[in-house]
């Protein structure tokens, strides 16, 4: 760790590193597993696949020296997924434009620092 003073010399702060320590083969393995589970369950376990991959990404992410942790569950996402899917059908696809944003908000809501 390296100390860096600010421009006003009123306080020192500790600069910590941020990094992702996952690997390509891990990503490929988790993606294949998620795909296989989704196909064999005819899409019903797709939320499980998503939460599994999000969990992998967050477990291996460190921000300012603090590791992230994902607290979301497949059951929690499944309820939202059904709601978002029904809204998309009812609005003839228009709500689908908001699903990406809803998903990002859900992921961030369930991501915390491990410590």
PDB file of N, CA and C in Angstrom:
ATOM      1  N   UNK A   1       0.839  -1.176   0.000  1.00  0.00           N
ATOM      2  CA  UNK A   1       0.000   0.000   0.000  1.00  0.00           C
ATOM      3  C   UNK A   1       0.880   1.234   0.000  1.00  0.00           C
ATOM      4  N   UNK A   2       0.379   2.260  -0.650  1.00  0.00           N
ATOM      5  CA  UNK A   2       1.158   3.472  -0.795  1.00  0.00           C
ATOM      6  C   UNK A   2       0.322   4.653  -0.342  1.00  0.00           C
ATOM      7  N   UNK A   3       0.922   5.515   0.451  1.00  0.00           N
ATOM      8  CA  UNK A   3       0.198   6.693   0.906  1.00  0.00           C
ATOM      9  C   UNK A   3       0.335   7.805  -0.118  1.00  0.00           C
ATOM     10  N   UNK A   4      -0.763   8.461  -0.364  1.00  0.00           N
ATOM     11  CA  UNK A   4      -0.786   9.552  -1.327  1.00  0.00           C
ATOM     12  C   UNK A   4      -1.457  10.741  -0.663  1.00  0.00           C
ATOM     13  N   UNK A   5      -0.814  11.895  -0.673  1.00  0.00           N
ATOM     14  CA  UNK A   5      -1.410  13.099  -0.088  1.00  0.00           C
ATOM     15  C   UNK A   5      -2.366  13.739  -1.078  1.00  0.00           C
ATOM     16  N   UNK A   6      -3.379  14.445  -0.565  1.00  0.00           N
ATOM     17  CA  UNK A   6      -4.286  15.134  -1.472  1.00  0.00           C
ATOM     18  C   UNK A   6      -3.709  16.499  -1.834  1.00  0.00           C
ATOM     19  N   UNK A   7      -4.389  17.234  -2.679  1.00  0.00           N
ATOM     20  CA  UNK A   7      -3.882  18.511  -3.170  1.00  0.00           C
ATOM     21  C   UNK A   7      -3.789  19.570  -2.077  1.00  0.00           C
ATOM     22  N   UNK A   8      -4.581  19.463  -1.029  1.00  0.00           N
ATOM     23  CA  UNK A   8      -4.608  20.475   0.012  1.00  0.00           C
ATOM     24  C   UNK A   8      -3.733  20.112   1.206  1.00  0.00           C
ATOM     25  N   UNK A   9      -3.058  18.995   1.149  1.00  0.00           N
ATOM     26  CA  UNK A   9      -2.193  18.520   2.233  1.00  0.00           C
ATOM     27  C   UNK A   9      -2.893  18.496   3.587  1.00  0.00           C
ATOM     28  N   UNK A  10      -4.206  18.295   3.618  1.00  0.00           N
ATOM     29  CA  UNK A  10      -4.945  18.260   4.877  1.00  0.00           C
ATOM     30  C   UNK A  10      -5.096  16.850   5.414  1.00  0.00           C
ATOM     31  N   UNK A  11      -4.951  15.861   4.543  1.00  0.00           N
ATOM     32  CA  UNK A  11      -5.098  14.477   5.013  1.00  0.00           C
ATOM     33  C   UNK A  11      -4.369  13.551   4.046  1.00  0.00           C
ATOM     34  N   UNK A  12      -3.959  12.441   4.555  1.00  0.00           N
ATOM     35  CA  UNK A  12      -3.372  11.404   3.710  1.00  0.00           C
ATOM     36  C   UNK A  12      -4.396  10.292   3.537  1.00  0.00           C
ATOM     37  N   UNK A  13      -4.355   9.663   2.397  1.00  0.00           N
ATOM     38  CA  UNK A  13      -5.252   8.537   2.185  1.00  0.00           C
ATOM     39  C   UNK A  13      -4.422   7.363   1.701  1.00  0.00           C
ATOM     40  N   UNK A  14      -4.941   6.186   1.905  1.00  0.00           N
ATOM     41  CA  UNK A  14      -4.253   4.981   1.474  1.00  0.00           C
ATOM     42  C   UNK A  14      -4.850   4.554   0.137  1.00  0.00           C
ATOM     43  N   UNK A  15      -4.002   4.398  -0.843  1.00  0.00           N
ATOM     44  CA  UNK A  15      -4.452   3.977  -2.158  1.00  0.00           C
ATOM     45  C   UNK A  15      -4.431   2.455  -2.212  1.00  0.00           C
ATOM     46  N   UNK A  16      -5.565   1.849  -2.514  1.00  0.00           N
ATOM     47  CA  UNK A  16      -5.653   0.404  -2.592  1.00  0.00           C
ATOM     48  C   UNK A  16      -6.003  -0.001  -4.012  1.00  0.00           C
ATOM     49  N   UNK A  17      -5.639  -1.190  -4.346  1.00  0.00           N
ATOM     50  CA  UNK A  17      -5.843  -1.666  -5.707  1.00  0.00           C
ATOM     51  C   UNK A  17      -7.225  -2.271  -5.893  1.00  0.00           C
ATOM     52  N   UNK A  18      -7.705  -2.162  -7.112  1.00  0.00           N
ATOM     53  CA  UNK A  18      -8.937  -2.821  -7.539  1.00  0.00           C
ATOM     54  C   UNK A  18      -8.554  -3.777  -8.654  1.00  0.00           C
ATOM     55  N   UNK A  19      -9.118  -4.976  -8.614  1.00  0.00           N
ATOM     56  CA  UNK A  19      -8.785  -5.965  -9.635  1.00  0.00           C
ATOM     57  C   UNK A  19      -9.829  -7.060  -9.689  1.00  0.00           C
ATOM     58  N   UNK A  20      -9.760  -7.849 -10.752  1.00  0.00           N
ATOM     59  CA  UNK A  20     -10.596  -9.029 -10.941  1.00  0.00           C
ATOM     60  C   UNK A  20      -9.646 -10.203 -11.080  1.00  0.00           C
ATOM     61  N   UNK A  21      -9.787 -11.225 -10.244  1.00  0.00           N
ATOM     62  CA  UNK A  21      -8.835 -12.331 -10.291  1.00  0.00           C
ATOM     63  C   UNK A  21      -9.435 -13.630 -10.831  1.00  0.00           C
ATOM     64  N   UNK A  22     -10.435 -13.513 -11.676  1.00  0.00           N
ATOM     65  CA  UNK A  22     -11.006 -14.688 -12.344  1.00  0.00           C
ATOM     66  C   UNK A  22     -10.250 -14.995 -13.626  1.00  0.00           C
ATOM     67  N   UNK A  23     -10.468 -16.188 -14.147  1.00  0.00           N
ATOM     68  CA  UNK A  23      -9.787 -16.603 -15.360  1.00  0.00           C
ATOM     69  C   UNK A  23     -10.749 -16.987 -16.471  1.00  0.00           C
ATOM     70  N   UNK A  24     -10.236 -17.056 -17.674  1.00  0.00           N
ATOM     71  CA  UNK A  24     -11.045 -17.376 -18.846  1.00  0.00           C
ATOM     72  C   UNK A  24     -11.646 -18.777 -18.750  1.00  0.00           C
ATOM     73  N   UNK A  25     -10.855 -19.757 -18.335  1.00  0.00           N
ATOM     74  CA  UNK A  25     -11.373 -21.123 -18.260  1.00  0.00           C
ATOM     75  C   UNK A  25     -12.486 -21.243 -17.224  1.00  0.00           C
ATOM     76  N   UNK A  26     -12.363 -20.526 -16.122  1.00  0.00           N
ATOM     77  CA  UNK A  26     -13.441 -20.510 -15.121  1.00  0.00           C
ATOM     78  C   UNK A  26     -14.712 -19.938 -15.733  1.00  0.00           C
ATOM     79  N   UNK A  27     -14.572 -18.823 -16.447  1.00  0.00           N
ATOM     80  CA  UNK A  27     -15.730 -18.186 -17.070  1.00  0.00           C
ATOM     81  C   UNK A  27     -16.390 -19.125 -18.076  1.00  0.00           C
ATOM     82  N   UNK A  28     -15.590 -19.777 -18.893  1.00  0.00           N
ATOM     83  CA  UNK A  28     -16.132 -20.708 -19.878  1.00  0.00           C
ATOM     84  C   UNK A  28     -16.865 -21.851 -19.180  1.00  0.00           C
ATOM     85  N   UNK A  29     -16.275 -22.392 -18.118  1.00  0.00           N
ATOM     86  CA  UNK A  29     -16.904 -23.484 -17.378  1.00  0.00           C
ATOM     87  C   UNK A  29     -18.237 -23.087 -16.769  1.00  0.00           C
ATOM     88  N   UNK A  30     -18.278 -21.937 -16.082  1.00  0.00           N
ATOM     89  CA  UNK A  30     -19.531 -21.467 -15.478  1.00  0.00           C
ATOM     90  C   UNK A  30     -20.578 -21.176 -16.549  1.00  0.00           C
ATOM     91  N   UNK A  31     -20.153 -20.619 -17.679  1.00  0.00           N
ATOM     92  CA  UNK A  31     -21.087 -20.304 -18.762  1.00  0.00           C
ATOM     93  C   UNK A  31     -21.674 -21.567 -19.372  1.00  0.00           C
ATOM     94  N   UNK A  32     -20.839 -22.566 -19.588  1.00  0.00           N
ATOM     95  CA  UNK A  32     -21.328 -23.839 -20.136  1.00  0.00           C
ATOM     96  C   UNK A  32     -22.302 -24.491 -19.160  1.00  0.00           C
ATOM     97  N   UNK A  33     -21.945 -24.510 -17.875  1.00  0.00           N
ATOM     98  CA  UNK A  33     -22.831 -25.086 -16.868  1.00  0.00           C
ATOM     99  C   UNK A  33     -24.177 -24.365 -16.855  1.00  0.00           C
ATOM    100  N   UNK A  34     -24.145 -23.043 -16.875  1.00  0.00           N
ATOM    101  CA  UNK A  34     -25.384 -22.270 -16.905  1.00  0.00           C
ATOM    102  C   UNK A  34     -26.216 -22.550 -18.137  1.00  0.00           C
ATOM    103  N   UNK A  35     -25.569 -22.660 -19.281  1.00  0.00           N
ATOM    104  CA  UNK A  35     -26.272 -22.954 -20.536  1.00  0.00           C
ATOM    105  C   UNK A  35     -26.920 -24.328 -20.484  1.00  0.00           C
ATOM    106  N   UNK A  36     -26.173 -25.327 -20.028  1.00  0.00           N
ATOM    107  CA  UNK A  36     -26.691 -26.696 -19.970  1.00  0.00           C
ATOM    108  C   UNK A  36     -27.893 -26.777 -19.033  1.00  0.00           C
ATOM    109  N   UNK A  37     -27.769 -26.171 -17.854  1.00  0.00           N
ATOM    110  CA  UNK A  37     -28.878 -26.193 -16.898  1.00  0.00           C
ATOM    111  C   UNK A  37     -30.099 -25.483 -17.477  1.00  0.00           C
ATOM    112  N   UNK A  38     -29.889 -24.358 -18.144  1.00  0.00           N
ATOM    113  CA  UNK A  38     -31.003 -23.616 -18.737  1.00  0.00           C
ATOM    114  C   UNK A  38     -31.689 -24.436 -19.828  1.00  0.00           C
ATOM    115  N   UNK A  39     -30.917 -25.078 -20.679  1.00  0.00           N
ATOM    116  CA  UNK A  39     -31.483 -25.875 -21.772  1.00  0.00           C
ATOM    117  C   UNK A  39     -32.250 -27.080 -21.221  1.00  0.00           C
ATOM    118  N   UNK A  40     -31.667 -27.808 -20.279  1.00  0.00           N
ATOM    119  CA  UNK A  40     -32.310 -29.016 -19.758  1.00  0.00           C
ATOM    120  C   UNK A  40     -33.557 -28.711 -18.925  1.00  0.00           C
ATOM    121  N   UNK A  41     -33.678 -27.505 -18.397  1.00  0.00           N
ATOM    122  CA  UNK A  41     -34.877 -27.141 -17.631  1.00  0.00           C
ATOM    123  C   UNK A  41     -35.830 -26.282 -18.468  1.00  0.00           C
ATOM    124  N   UNK A  42     -35.577 -26.218 -19.766  1.00  0.00           N
ATOM    125  CA  UNK A  42     -36.396 -25.443 -20.700  1.00  0.00           C
ATOM    126  C   UNK A  42     -36.537 -23.978 -20.282  1.00  0.00           C
ATOM    127  N   UNK A  43     -35.467 -23.429 -19.731  1.00  0.00           N
ATOM    128  CA  UNK A  43     -35.416 -22.012 -19.383  1.00  0.00           C
ATOM    129  C   UNK A  43     -35.882 -21.680 -17.976  1.00  0.00           C
ATOM    130  N   UNK A  44     -36.467 -22.630 -17.280  1.00  0.00           N
ATOM    131  CA  UNK A  44     -36.984 -22.343 -15.938  1.00  0.00           C
ATOM    132  C   UNK A  44     -35.855 -21.977 -14.978  1.00  0.00           C
ATOM    133  N   UNK A  45     -34.695 -22.581 -15.127  1.00  0.00           N
ATOM    134  CA  UNK A  45     -33.566 -22.298 -14.229  1.00  0.00           C
ATOM    135  C   UNK A  45     -32.639 -21.211 -14.769  1.00  0.00           C
ATOM    136  N   UNK A  46     -33.102 -20.440 -15.751  1.00  0.00           N
ATOM    137  CA  UNK A  46     -32.278 -19.352 -16.265  1.00  0.00           C
ATOM    138  C   UNK A  46     -31.889 -18.353 -15.176  1.00  0.00           C
ATOM    139  N   UNK A  47     -32.817 -17.956 -14.278  1.00  0.00           N
ATOM    140  CA  UNK A  47     -32.403 -17.056 -13.193  1.00  0.00           C
ATOM    141  C   UNK A  47     -31.298 -17.661 -12.316  1.00  0.00           C
ATOM    142  N   UNK A  48     -31.324 -18.962 -12.104  1.00  0.00           N
ATOM    143  CA  UNK A  48     -30.254 -19.612 -11.344  1.00  0.00           C
ATOM    144  C   UNK A  48     -28.931 -19.461 -12.079  1.00  0.00           C
ATOM    145  N   UNK A  49     -28.965 -19.649 -13.387  1.00  0.00           N
ATOM    146  CA  UNK A  49     -27.763 -19.504 -14.203  1.00  0.00           C
ATOM    147  C   UNK A  49     -27.200 -18.090 -14.098  1.00  0.00           C
ATOM    148  N   UNK A  50     -28.078 -17.101 -14.157  1.00  0.00           N
ATOM    149  CA  UNK A  50     -27.643 -15.711 -14.059  1.00  0.00           C
ATOM    150  C   UNK A  50     -27.015 -15.436 -12.694  1.00  0.00           C
ATOM    151  N   UNK A  51     -27.687 -15.857 -11.606  1.00  0.00           N
ATOM    152  CA  UNK A  51     -27.158 -15.591 -10.271  1.00  0.00           C
ATOM    153  C   UNK A  51     -25.850 -16.334 -10.032  1.00  0.00           C
ATOM    154  N   UNK A  52     -25.705 -17.498 -10.636  1.00  0.00           N
ATOM    155  CA  UNK A  52     -24.468 -18.262 -10.499  1.00  0.00           C
ATOM    156  C   UNK A  52     -23.301 -17.498 -11.123  1.00  0.00           C
ATOM    157  N   UNK A  53     -23.501 -16.945 -12.299  1.00  0.00           N
ATOM    158  CA  UNK A  53     -22.429 -16.219 -12.986  1.00  0.00           C
ATOM    159  C   UNK A  53     -22.158 -14.871 -12.311  1.00  0.00           C
ATOM    160  N   UNK A  54     -23.204 -14.189 -11.873  1.00  0.00           N
ATOM    161  CA  UNK A  54     -23.011 -12.930 -11.140  1.00  0.00           C
ATOM    162  C   UNK A  54     -22.228 -13.197  -9.859  1.00  0.00           C
ATOM    163  N   UNK A  55     -22.582 -14.256  -9.153  1.00  0.00           N
ATOM    164  CA  UNK A  55     -21.874 -14.625  -7.927  1.00  0.00           C
ATOM    165  C   UNK A  55     -20.405 -14.890  -8.179  1.00  0.00           C
ATOM    166  N   UNK A  56     -20.106 -15.586  -9.275  1.00  0.00           N
ATOM    167  CA  UNK A  56     -18.710 -15.872  -9.632  1.00  0.00           C
ATOM    168  C   UNK A  56     -17.959 -14.567  -9.878  1.00  0.00           C
ATOM    169  N   UNK A  57     -18.561 -13.661 -10.662  1.00  0.00           N
ATOM    170  CA  UNK A  57     -17.902 -12.390 -10.973  1.00  0.00           C
ATOM    171  C   UNK A  57     -17.647 -11.563  -9.717  1.00  0.00           C
ATOM    172  N   UNK A  58     -18.642 -11.480  -8.840  1.00  0.00           N
ATOM    173  CA  UNK A  58     -18.474 -10.631  -7.657  1.00  0.00           C
ATOM    174  C   UNK A  58     -17.503 -11.236  -6.659  1.00  0.00           C
ATOM    175  N   UNK A  59     -17.497 -12.560  -6.505  1.00  0.00           N
ATOM    176  CA  UNK A  59     -16.549 -13.208  -5.583  1.00  0.00           C
ATOM    177  C   UNK A  59     -15.112 -12.944  -5.967  1.00  0.00           C
ATOM    178  N   UNK A  60     -14.869 -12.731  -7.243  1.00  0.00           N
ATOM    179  CA  UNK A  60     -13.511 -12.560  -7.739  1.00  0.00           C
ATOM    180  C   UNK A  60     -13.172 -11.093  -8.042  1.00  0.00           C
ATOM    181  N   UNK A  61     -13.998 -10.172  -7.579  1.00  0.00           N
ATOM    182  CA  UNK A  61     -13.775  -8.743  -7.806  1.00  0.00           C
ATOM    183  C   UNK A  61     -13.381  -8.067  -6.497  1.00  0.00           C
ATOM    184  N   UNK A  62     -12.320  -7.274  -6.560  1.00  0.00           N
ATOM    185  CA  UNK A  62     -11.849  -6.502  -5.406  1.00  0.00           C
ATOM    186  C   UNK A  62     -11.860  -5.030  -5.812  1.00  0.00           C
ATOM    187  N   UNK A  63     -12.522  -4.202  -5.004  1.00  0.00           N
ATOM    188  CA  UNK A  63     -12.591  -2.756  -5.235  1.00  0.00           C
ATOM    189  C   UNK A  63     -11.930  -2.068  -4.048  1.00  0.00           C
ATOM    190  N   UNK A  64     -10.911  -1.269  -4.326  1.00  0.00           N
ATOM    191  CA  UNK A  64     -10.167  -0.564  -3.266  1.00  0.00           C
ATOM    192  C   UNK A  64      -9.762  -1.494  -2.128  1.00  0.00           C
ATOM    193  N   UNK A  65      -9.309  -2.672  -2.480  1.00  0.00           N
ATOM    194  CA  UNK A  65      -8.823  -3.622  -1.487  1.00  0.00           C
ATOM    195  C   UNK A  65      -9.909  -4.398  -0.771  1.00  0.00           C
ATOM    196  N   UNK A  66     -11.166  -4.197  -1.135  1.00  0.00           N
ATOM    197  CA  UNK A  66     -12.283  -4.889  -0.480  1.00  0.00           C
ATOM    198  C   UNK A  66     -12.980  -5.805  -1.482  1.00  0.00           C
ATOM    199  N   UNK A  67     -13.090  -7.075  -1.117  1.00  0.00           N
ATOM    200  CA  UNK A  67     -13.724  -8.059  -1.989  1.00  0.00           C
ATOM    201  C   UNK A  67     -15.236  -7.892  -1.956  1.00  0.00           C
ATOM    202  N   UNK A  68     -15.865  -8.093  -3.115  1.00  0.00           N
ATOM    203  CA  UNK A  68     -17.313  -7.993  -3.222  1.00  0.00           C
ATOM    204  C   UNK A  68     -17.974  -9.340  -2.918  1.00  0.00           C
ATOM    205  N   UNK A  69     -19.246  -9.275  -2.561  1.00  0.00           N
ATOM    206  CA  UNK A  69     -20.040 -10.470  -2.302  1.00  0.00           C
ATOM    207  C   UNK A  69     -21.428 -10.250  -2.880  1.00  0.00           C
ATOM    208  N   UNK A  70     -21.957 -11.257  -3.544  1.00  0.00           N
ATOM    209  CA  UNK A  70     -23.294 -11.183  -4.124  1.00  0.00           C
ATOM    210  C   UNK A  70     -24.268 -11.892  -3.195  1.00  0.00           C
ATOM    211  N   UNK A  71     -25.349 -11.205  -2.797  1.00  0.00           N
ATOM    212  CA  UNK A  71     -26.307 -11.765  -1.851  1.00  0.00           C
ATOM    213  C   UNK A  71     -27.633 -12.150  -2.492  1.00  0.00           C
ATOM    214  N   UNK A  72     -27.767 -11.945  -3.792  1.00  0.00           N
ATOM    215  CA  UNK A  72     -29.018 -12.263  -4.469  1.00  0.00           C
ATOM    216  C   UNK A  72     -29.226 -13.764  -4.585  1.00  0.00           C
ATOM    217  N   UNK A  73     -30.476 -14.155  -4.780  1.00  0.00           N
ATOM    218  CA  UNK A  73     -30.801 -15.575  -4.930  1.00  0.00           C
ATOM    219  C   UNK A  73     -31.576 -15.803  -6.213  1.00  0.00           C
ATOM    220  N   UNK A  74     -31.524 -17.031  -6.681  1.00  0.00           N
ATOM    221  CA  UNK A  74     -32.254 -17.394  -7.899  1.00  0.00           C
ATOM    222  C   UNK A  74     -33.757 -17.249  -7.683  1.00  0.00           C
ATOM    223  N   UNK A  75     -34.230 -17.570  -6.491  1.00  0.00           N
ATOM    224  CA  UNK A  75     -35.668 -17.447  -6.198  1.00  0.00           C
ATOM    225  C   UNK A  75     -36.095 -15.978  -6.278  1.00  0.00           C
ATOM    226  N   UNK A  76     -35.281 -15.086  -5.695  1.00  0.00           N
ATOM    227  CA  UNK A  76     -35.583 -13.660  -5.744  1.00  0.00           C
ATOM    228  C   UNK A  76     -35.597 -13.129  -7.167  1.00  0.00           C
ATOM    229  N   UNK A  77     -34.633 -13.561  -7.954  1.00  0.00           N
ATOM    230  CA  UNK A  77     -34.587 -13.119  -9.350  1.00  0.00           C
ATOM    231  C   UNK A  77     -35.732 -13.723 -10.144  1.00  0.00           C
ATOM    232  N   UNK A  78     -36.099 -14.966  -9.838  1.00  0.00           N
ATOM    233  CA  UNK A  78     -37.171 -15.638 -10.578  1.00  0.00           C
ATOM    234  C   UNK A  78     -38.477 -14.841 -10.487  1.00  0.00           C
ATOM    235  N   UNK A  79     -38.811 -14.362  -9.287  1.00  0.00           N
ATOM    236  CA  UNK A  79     -40.022 -13.556  -9.118  1.00  0.00           C
ATOM    237  C   UNK A  79     -39.984 -12.295  -9.963  1.00  0.00           C
ATOM    238  N   UNK A  80     -38.856 -11.608  -9.937  1.00  0.00           N
ATOM    239  CA  UNK A  80     -38.709 -10.403 -10.762  1.00  0.00           C
ATOM    240  C   UNK A  80     -38.737 -10.746 -12.240  1.00  0.00           C
ATOM    241  N   UNK A  81     -38.083 -11.850 -12.595  1.00  0.00           N
ATOM    242  CA  UNK A  81     -38.004 -12.255 -14.001  1.00  0.00           C
ATOM    243  C   UNK A  81     -39.401 -12.494 -14.568  1.00  0.00           C
ATOM    244  N   UNK A  82     -40.260 -13.178 -13.808  1.00  0.00           N
ATOM    245  CA  UNK A  82     -41.643 -13.433 -14.246  1.00  0.00           C
ATOM    246  C   UNK A  82     -42.389 -12.105 -14.384  1.00  0.00           C
ATOM    247  N   UNK A  83     -42.241 -11.229 -13.398  1.00  0.00           N
ATOM    248  CA  UNK A  83     -42.912  -9.923 -13.434  1.00  0.00           C
ATOM    249  C   UNK A  83     -42.460  -9.123 -14.662  1.00  0.00           C
ATOM    250  N   UNK A  84     -41.150  -9.074 -14.895  1.00  0.00           N
ATOM    251  CA  UNK A  84     -40.630  -8.320 -16.038  1.00  0.00           C
ATOM    252  C   UNK A  84     -41.100  -8.927 -17.356  1.00  0.00           C
ATOM    253  N   UNK A  85     -41.144 -10.239 -17.432  1.00  0.00           N
ATOM    254  CA  UNK A  85     -41.571 -10.942 -18.640  1.00  0.00           C
ATOM    255  C   UNK A  85     -43.042 -10.641 -18.927  1.00  0.00           C
ATOM    256  N   UNK A  86     -43.885 -10.693 -17.874  1.00  0.00           N
ATOM    257  CA  UNK A  86     -45.311 -10.388 -18.059  1.00  0.00           C
ATOM    258  C   UNK A  86     -45.522  -8.935 -18.478  1.00  0.00           C
ATOM    259  N   UNK A  87     -44.787  -8.007 -17.860  1.00  0.00           N
ATOM    260  CA  UNK A  87     -44.904  -6.600 -18.262  1.00  0.00           C
ATOM    261  C   UNK A  87     -44.499  -6.412 -19.732  1.00  0.00           C
ATOM    262  N   UNK A  88     -43.482  -7.134 -20.154  1.00  0.00           N
ATOM    263  CA  UNK A  88     -43.034  -7.036 -21.543  1.00  0.00           C
ATOM    264  C   UNK A  88     -44.114  -7.554 -22.495  1.00  0.00           C
ATOM    265  N   UNK A  89     -44.775  -8.646 -22.130  1.00  0.00           N
ATOM    266  CA  UNK A  89     -45.848  -9.192 -22.978  1.00  0.00           C
ATOM    267  C   UNK A  89     -47.034  -8.226 -23.022  1.00  0.00           C
ATOM    268  N   UNK A  90     -47.434  -7.723 -21.851  1.00  0.00           N
ATOM    269  CA  UNK A  90     -48.596  -6.826 -21.772  1.00  0.00           C
ATOM    270  C   UNK A  90     -48.365  -5.546 -22.581  1.00  0.00           C
ATOM    271  N   UNK A  91     -47.149  -5.022 -22.567  1.00  0.00           N
ATOM    272  CA  UNK A  91     -46.859  -3.774 -23.294  1.00  0.00           C
ATOM    273  C   UNK A  91     -46.371  -4.034 -24.719  1.00  0.00           C
ATOM    274  N   UNK A  92     -46.568  -5.245 -25.198  1.00  0.00           N
ATOM    275  CA  UNK A  92     -46.161  -5.631 -26.556  1.00  0.00           C
ATOM    276  C   UNK A  92     -44.677  -5.380 -26.813  1.00  0.00           C
ATOM    277  N   UNK A  93     -43.860  -5.654 -25.808  1.00  0.00           N
ATOM    278  CA  UNK A  93     -42.417  -5.574 -25.946  1.00  0.00           C
ATOM    279  C   UNK A  93     -41.784  -4.279 -25.504  1.00  0.00           C
ATOM    280  N   UNK A  94     -42.580  -3.249 -25.281  1.00  0.00           N
ATOM    281  CA  UNK A  94     -42.024  -1.943 -24.931  1.00  0.00           C
ATOM    282  C   UNK A  94     -41.272  -1.996 -23.598  1.00  0.00           C
ATOM    283  N   UNK A  95     -41.828  -2.694 -22.609  1.00  0.00           N
ATOM    284  CA  UNK A  95     -41.186  -2.768 -21.296  1.00  0.00           C
ATOM    285  C   UNK A  95     -39.825  -3.469 -21.385  1.00  0.00           C
ATOM    286  N   UNK A  96     -39.625  -4.245 -22.408  1.00  0.00           N
ATOM    287  CA  UNK A  96     -38.350  -4.948 -22.591  1.00  0.00           C
ATOM    288  C   UNK A  96     -37.154  -4.010 -22.618  1.00  0.00           C
ATOM    289  N   UNK A  97     -37.365  -2.769 -23.025  1.00  0.00           N
ATOM    290  CA  UNK A  97     -36.274  -1.798 -23.030  1.00  0.00           C
ATOM    291  C   UNK A  97     -35.790  -1.493 -21.621  1.00  0.00           C
ATOM    292  N   UNK A  98     -36.656  -1.630 -20.632  1.00  0.00           N
ATOM    293  CA  UNK A  98     -36.312  -1.338 -19.244  1.00  0.00           C
ATOM    294  C   UNK A  98     -35.776  -2.559 -18.489  1.00  0.00           C
ATOM    295  N   UNK A  99     -35.916  -3.741 -19.046  1.00  0.00           N
ATOM    296  CA  UNK A  99     -35.505  -4.955 -18.332  1.00  0.00           C
ATOM    297  C   UNK A  99     -34.008  -4.938 -18.035  1.00  0.00           C
ATOM    298  N   UNK A 100     -33.189  -4.480 -18.961  1.00  0.00           N
ATOM    299  CA  UNK A 100     -31.747  -4.422 -18.725  1.00  0.00           C
ATOM    300  C   UNK A 100     -31.442  -3.538 -17.517  1.00  0.00           C
ATOM    301  N   UNK A 101     -32.088  -2.376 -17.453  1.00  0.00           N
ATOM    302  CA  UNK A 101     -31.863  -1.454 -16.339  1.00  0.00           C
ATOM    303  C   UNK A 101     -32.367  -2.061 -15.035  1.00  0.00           C
ATOM    304  N   UNK A 102     -33.528  -2.694 -15.064  1.00  0.00           N
ATOM    305  CA  UNK A 102     -34.067  -3.353 -13.870  1.00  0.00           C
ATOM    306  C   UNK A 102     -33.105  -4.436 -13.378  1.00  0.00           C
ATOM    307  N   UNK A 103     -32.531  -5.175 -14.315  1.00  0.00           N
ATOM    308  CA  UNK A 103     -31.598  -6.245 -13.958  1.00  0.00           C
ATOM    309  C   UNK A 103     -30.329  -5.659 -13.332  1.00  0.00           C
ATOM    310  N   UNK A 104     -29.807  -4.584 -13.886  1.00  0.00           N
ATOM    311  CA  UNK A 104     -28.617  -3.939 -13.323  1.00  0.00           C
ATOM    312  C   UNK A 104     -28.896  -3.416 -11.922  1.00  0.00           C
ATOM    313  N   UNK A 105     -30.057  -2.810 -11.727  1.00  0.00           N
ATOM    314  CA  UNK A 105     -30.423  -2.312 -10.395  1.00  0.00           C
ATOM    315  C   UNK A 105     -30.522  -3.466  -9.405  1.00  0.00           C
ATOM    316  N   UNK A 106     -31.092  -4.589  -9.831  1.00  0.00           N
ATOM    317  CA  UNK A 106     -31.232  -5.757  -8.962  1.00  0.00           C
ATOM    318  C   UNK A 106     -29.857  -6.303  -8.588  1.00  0.00           C
ATOM    319  N   UNK A 107     -28.939  -6.379  -9.569  1.00  0.00           N
ATOM    320  CA  UNK A 107     -27.583  -6.874  -9.289  1.00  0.00           C
ATOM    321  C   UNK A 107     -26.864  -5.981  -8.286  1.00  0.00           C
ATOM    322  N   UNK A 108     -26.927  -4.674  -8.483  1.00  0.00           N
ATOM    323  CA  UNK A 108     -26.240  -3.753  -7.589  1.00  0.00           C
ATOM    324  C   UNK A 108     -26.860  -3.775  -6.195  1.00  0.00           C
ATOM    325  N   UNK A 109     -28.183  -3.882  -6.126  1.00  0.00           N
ATOM    326  CA  UNK A 109     -28.871  -3.944  -4.838  1.00  0.00           C
ATOM    327  C   UNK A 109     -28.394  -5.134  -4.006  1.00  0.00           C
ATOM    328  N   UNK A 110     -27.998  -6.204  -4.672  1.00  0.00           N
ATOM    329  CA  UNK A 110     -27.597  -7.428  -3.984  1.00  0.00           C
ATOM    330  C   UNK A 110     -26.078  -7.642  -3.999  1.00  0.00           C
ATOM    331  N   UNK A 111     -25.328  -6.579  -4.202  1.00  0.00           N
ATOM    332  CA  UNK A 111     -23.871  -6.671  -4.164  1.00  0.00           C
ATOM    333  C   UNK A 111     -23.355  -5.815  -3.011  1.00  0.00           C
ATOM    334  N   UNK A 112     -22.579  -6.438  -2.146  1.00  0.00           N
ATOM    335  CA  UNK A 112     -22.039  -5.763  -0.965  1.00  0.00           C
ATOM    336  C   UNK A 112     -20.555  -6.046  -0.849  1.00  0.00           C
ATOM    337  N   UNK A 113     -19.905  -5.366   0.080  1.00  0.00           N
ATOM    338  CA  UNK A 113     -18.526  -5.702   0.397  1.00  0.00           C
ATOM    339  C   UNK A 113     -18.536  -6.880   1.359  1.00  0.00           C
ATOM    340  N   UNK A 114     -17.619  -7.807   1.162  1.00  0.00           N
ATOM    341  CA  UNK A 114     -17.575  -9.021   1.960  1.00  0.00           C
ATOM    342  C   UNK A 114     -17.295  -8.744   3.435  1.00  0.00           C
ATOM    343  N   UNK A 115     -16.459  -7.784   3.725  1.00  0.00           N
ATOM    344  CA  UNK A 115     -16.100  -7.515   5.130  1.00  0.00           C
ATOM    345  C   UNK A 115     -16.967  -6.465   5.765  1.00  0.00           C
TER     346      UNK A 115
END
